[in-house]
N, C-alpha and C. Protein backbone atom coordinates (compact mmCIF):
# COMPACT_ATOMS: atom_id res chain seq x y z
N UNK A 1 21.01 -47.63 -111.81
CA UNK A 1 22.20 -48.29 -111.31
C UNK A 1 23.00 -47.27 -110.51
N UNK A 2 23.29 -47.62 -109.29
CA UNK A 2 24.13 -46.77 -108.45
C UNK A 2 25.60 -47.01 -108.80
N UNK A 3 26.44 -46.10 -108.36
CA UNK A 3 27.88 -46.25 -108.62
C UNK A 3 28.42 -47.53 -107.98
N UNK A 4 27.95 -47.87 -106.78
CA UNK A 4 28.40 -49.10 -106.12
C UNK A 4 27.99 -50.33 -106.93
N UNK A 5 26.81 -50.29 -107.53
CA UNK A 5 26.35 -51.40 -108.38
C UNK A 5 27.20 -51.48 -109.65
N UNK A 6 27.55 -50.33 -110.20
CA UNK A 6 28.44 -50.28 -111.35
C UNK A 6 29.78 -50.92 -111.01
N UNK A 7 30.35 -50.54 -109.88
CA UNK A 7 31.64 -51.08 -109.46
C UNK A 7 31.57 -52.60 -109.27
N UNK A 8 30.49 -53.08 -108.68
CA UNK A 8 30.31 -54.52 -108.50
C UNK A 8 30.16 -55.22 -109.84
N UNK A 9 29.40 -54.63 -110.75
CA UNK A 9 29.23 -55.22 -112.08
C UNK A 9 30.57 -55.31 -112.81
N UNK A 10 31.36 -54.25 -112.73
CA UNK A 10 32.68 -54.25 -113.37
C UNK A 10 33.57 -55.32 -112.78
N UNK A 11 33.63 -55.40 -111.47
CA UNK A 11 34.48 -56.40 -110.81
C UNK A 11 34.01 -57.81 -111.11
N UNK A 12 32.71 -58.01 -111.18
CA UNK A 12 32.17 -59.34 -111.47
C UNK A 12 32.48 -59.75 -112.90
N UNK A 13 32.33 -58.85 -113.83
CA UNK A 13 32.53 -59.17 -115.24
C UNK A 13 34.01 -59.27 -115.61
N UNK A 14 34.83 -58.39 -115.11
CA UNK A 14 36.21 -58.30 -115.57
C UNK A 14 37.26 -58.69 -114.53
N UNK A 15 36.83 -58.89 -113.28
CA UNK A 15 37.79 -59.08 -112.19
C UNK A 15 38.22 -57.71 -111.69
N UNK A 16 38.51 -57.60 -110.40
CA UNK A 16 38.79 -56.28 -109.82
C UNK A 16 39.95 -55.54 -110.48
N UNK A 17 41.05 -56.21 -110.75
CA UNK A 17 42.21 -55.51 -111.31
C UNK A 17 41.96 -55.07 -112.75
N UNK A 18 41.43 -55.96 -113.58
CA UNK A 18 41.20 -55.60 -114.97
C UNK A 18 40.06 -54.59 -115.10
N UNK A 19 39.09 -54.63 -114.18
CA UNK A 19 38.00 -53.65 -114.20
C UNK A 19 38.55 -52.24 -114.09
N UNK A 20 39.54 -52.05 -113.26
CA UNK A 20 40.16 -50.74 -113.11
C UNK A 20 40.84 -50.30 -114.41
N UNK A 21 41.46 -51.24 -115.09
CA UNK A 21 42.12 -50.93 -116.37
C UNK A 21 41.08 -50.56 -117.42
N UNK A 22 40.03 -51.35 -117.51
CA UNK A 22 38.96 -51.07 -118.48
C UNK A 22 38.38 -49.68 -118.23
N UNK A 23 38.10 -49.40 -116.98
CA UNK A 23 37.49 -48.11 -116.64
C UNK A 23 38.41 -46.94 -116.97
N UNK A 24 39.69 -47.11 -116.78
CA UNK A 24 40.63 -46.00 -116.98
C UNK A 24 41.12 -45.87 -118.42
N UNK A 25 41.19 -46.97 -119.16
CA UNK A 25 41.88 -46.96 -120.45
C UNK A 25 41.01 -47.17 -121.68
N UNK A 26 39.90 -47.87 -121.56
CA UNK A 26 39.07 -48.18 -122.72
C UNK A 26 38.29 -46.95 -123.17
N UNK A 27 38.53 -46.51 -124.40
CA UNK A 27 37.81 -45.36 -124.95
C UNK A 27 36.49 -45.85 -125.53
N UNK A 28 35.41 -45.26 -125.07
CA UNK A 28 34.06 -45.68 -125.45
C UNK A 28 33.49 -44.72 -126.49
N UNK A 29 33.35 -45.21 -127.71
CA UNK A 29 32.84 -44.36 -128.79
C UNK A 29 31.42 -43.89 -128.51
N UNK A 30 30.63 -44.74 -127.87
CA UNK A 30 29.24 -44.39 -127.58
C UNK A 30 29.12 -43.24 -126.58
N UNK A 31 30.20 -42.97 -125.87
CA UNK A 31 30.17 -41.89 -124.87
C UNK A 31 31.07 -40.73 -125.28
N UNK A 32 31.15 -40.50 -126.57
CA UNK A 32 31.90 -39.35 -127.06
C UNK A 32 33.41 -39.51 -126.98
N UNK A 33 33.86 -40.74 -127.18
CA UNK A 33 35.30 -41.04 -127.14
C UNK A 33 35.94 -40.68 -125.81
N UNK A 34 35.20 -40.97 -124.75
CA UNK A 34 35.73 -40.79 -123.39
C UNK A 34 35.92 -42.16 -122.76
N UNK A 35 36.77 -42.24 -121.76
CA UNK A 35 36.87 -43.47 -120.97
C UNK A 35 35.69 -43.50 -120.00
N UNK A 36 35.48 -44.64 -119.40
CA UNK A 36 34.41 -44.76 -118.40
C UNK A 36 34.68 -43.80 -117.25
N UNK A 37 35.92 -43.71 -116.83
CA UNK A 37 36.27 -42.82 -115.72
C UNK A 37 35.95 -41.37 -116.08
N UNK A 38 36.29 -40.96 -117.31
CA UNK A 38 35.99 -39.59 -117.74
C UNK A 38 34.49 -39.35 -117.81
N UNK A 39 33.76 -40.31 -118.38
CA UNK A 39 32.32 -40.17 -118.51
C UNK A 39 31.64 -40.06 -117.14
N UNK A 40 32.05 -40.91 -116.21
CA UNK A 40 31.47 -40.85 -114.86
C UNK A 40 31.79 -39.52 -114.20
N UNK A 41 33.02 -39.05 -114.36
CA UNK A 41 33.41 -37.75 -113.79
C UNK A 41 32.62 -36.61 -114.41
N UNK A 42 32.23 -36.78 -115.67
CA UNK A 42 31.44 -35.76 -116.37
C UNK A 42 29.95 -35.86 -116.06
N UNK A 43 29.56 -36.82 -115.23
CA UNK A 43 28.17 -36.92 -114.80
C UNK A 43 27.31 -37.89 -115.59
N UNK A 44 27.91 -38.68 -116.47
CA UNK A 44 27.13 -39.69 -117.20
C UNK A 44 26.69 -40.75 -116.19
N UNK A 45 25.45 -41.19 -116.31
CA UNK A 45 24.89 -42.17 -115.40
C UNK A 45 25.65 -43.49 -115.49
N UNK A 46 25.90 -44.13 -114.34
CA UNK A 46 26.63 -45.40 -114.34
C UNK A 46 26.00 -46.47 -115.24
N UNK A 47 24.67 -46.52 -115.32
CA UNK A 47 24.01 -47.52 -116.18
C UNK A 47 24.39 -47.29 -117.65
N UNK A 48 24.42 -46.05 -118.07
CA UNK A 48 24.79 -45.73 -119.45
C UNK A 48 26.24 -46.12 -119.73
N UNK A 49 27.11 -45.86 -118.77
CA UNK A 49 28.51 -46.23 -118.92
C UNK A 49 28.65 -47.76 -118.97
N UNK A 50 27.95 -48.44 -118.07
CA UNK A 50 27.99 -49.91 -118.04
C UNK A 50 27.55 -50.50 -119.39
N UNK A 51 26.45 -50.00 -119.93
CA UNK A 51 25.96 -50.53 -121.20
C UNK A 51 26.93 -50.24 -122.34
N UNK A 52 27.58 -49.08 -122.32
CA UNK A 52 28.58 -48.77 -123.34
C UNK A 52 29.77 -49.71 -123.24
N UNK A 53 30.20 -50.01 -122.03
CA UNK A 53 31.30 -50.95 -121.83
C UNK A 53 30.90 -52.33 -122.32
N UNK A 54 29.69 -52.75 -121.99
CA UNK A 54 29.21 -54.07 -122.44
C UNK A 54 29.25 -54.16 -123.96
N UNK A 55 28.76 -53.15 -124.63
CA UNK A 55 28.72 -53.16 -126.09
C UNK A 55 30.13 -53.15 -126.68
N UNK A 56 30.99 -52.34 -126.12
CA UNK A 56 32.35 -52.18 -126.65
C UNK A 56 33.21 -53.43 -126.44
N UNK A 57 32.95 -54.17 -125.37
CA UNK A 57 33.79 -55.32 -125.03
C UNK A 57 33.12 -56.65 -125.34
N UNK A 58 31.98 -56.61 -126.02
CA UNK A 58 31.27 -57.83 -126.42
C UNK A 58 30.84 -58.71 -125.25
N UNK A 59 30.42 -58.07 -124.16
CA UNK A 59 29.83 -58.82 -123.05
C UNK A 59 28.51 -59.41 -123.57
N UNK A 60 28.26 -60.69 -123.35
CA UNK A 60 27.00 -61.28 -123.82
C UNK A 60 25.79 -60.54 -123.24
N UNK A 61 24.78 -60.34 -124.07
CA UNK A 61 23.60 -59.55 -123.66
C UNK A 61 22.94 -60.06 -122.39
N UNK A 62 23.00 -61.36 -122.15
CA UNK A 62 22.35 -61.88 -120.94
C UNK A 62 23.03 -61.38 -119.66
N UNK A 63 24.21 -60.79 -119.79
CA UNK A 63 24.90 -60.25 -118.62
C UNK A 63 24.85 -58.73 -118.56
N UNK A 64 24.10 -58.10 -119.45
CA UNK A 64 24.01 -56.64 -119.45
C UNK A 64 23.11 -56.11 -118.35
N UNK A 65 22.11 -56.84 -117.98
CA UNK A 65 21.10 -56.35 -117.05
C UNK A 65 21.08 -57.20 -115.79
N UNK A 66 20.86 -56.56 -114.66
CA UNK A 66 20.74 -57.26 -113.40
C UNK A 66 22.06 -57.46 -112.68
N UNK A 67 23.18 -57.22 -113.34
CA UNK A 67 24.46 -57.35 -112.65
C UNK A 67 24.68 -56.15 -111.76
N UNK A 68 25.44 -56.36 -110.72
CA UNK A 68 25.73 -55.27 -109.80
C UNK A 68 24.70 -55.10 -108.72
N UNK A 69 23.62 -55.83 -108.82
CA UNK A 69 22.60 -55.73 -107.79
C UNK A 69 22.95 -56.63 -106.63
N UNK A 70 22.71 -56.19 -105.40
CA UNK A 70 22.99 -57.07 -104.26
C UNK A 70 22.07 -58.28 -104.31
N UNK A 71 22.58 -59.39 -103.81
CA UNK A 71 21.76 -60.60 -103.78
C UNK A 71 20.58 -60.36 -102.83
N UNK A 72 19.38 -60.84 -103.23
CA UNK A 72 18.22 -60.63 -102.35
C UNK A 72 18.38 -61.39 -101.04
N UNK A 73 17.85 -60.81 -99.99
CA UNK A 73 17.88 -61.49 -98.69
C UNK A 73 17.02 -62.75 -98.78
N UNK A 74 17.51 -63.81 -98.22
CA UNK A 74 16.74 -65.06 -98.27
C UNK A 74 15.60 -64.98 -97.27
N UNK A 75 14.50 -65.57 -97.67
CA UNK A 75 13.32 -65.58 -96.79
C UNK A 75 13.55 -66.58 -95.67
N UNK A 76 13.27 -66.16 -94.47
CA UNK A 76 13.48 -67.05 -93.32
C UNK A 76 12.19 -67.67 -92.89
């Protein structure tokens, strides 16, 4: 997962404004009691941060994977 895909996944799941709050304020126990912003700044992979957020906020498992990916180009 690229950082842009992470950002899209966050905005899709939480809405753009609340995604920023979650990223800055939610302490993730799975990532050593760091926020998502701290973990990303420390070099933790965006996919790992995304999955920790999903687990911590009870995002349904069917939305853990595949989010943040650009829509495939339609076949012409």
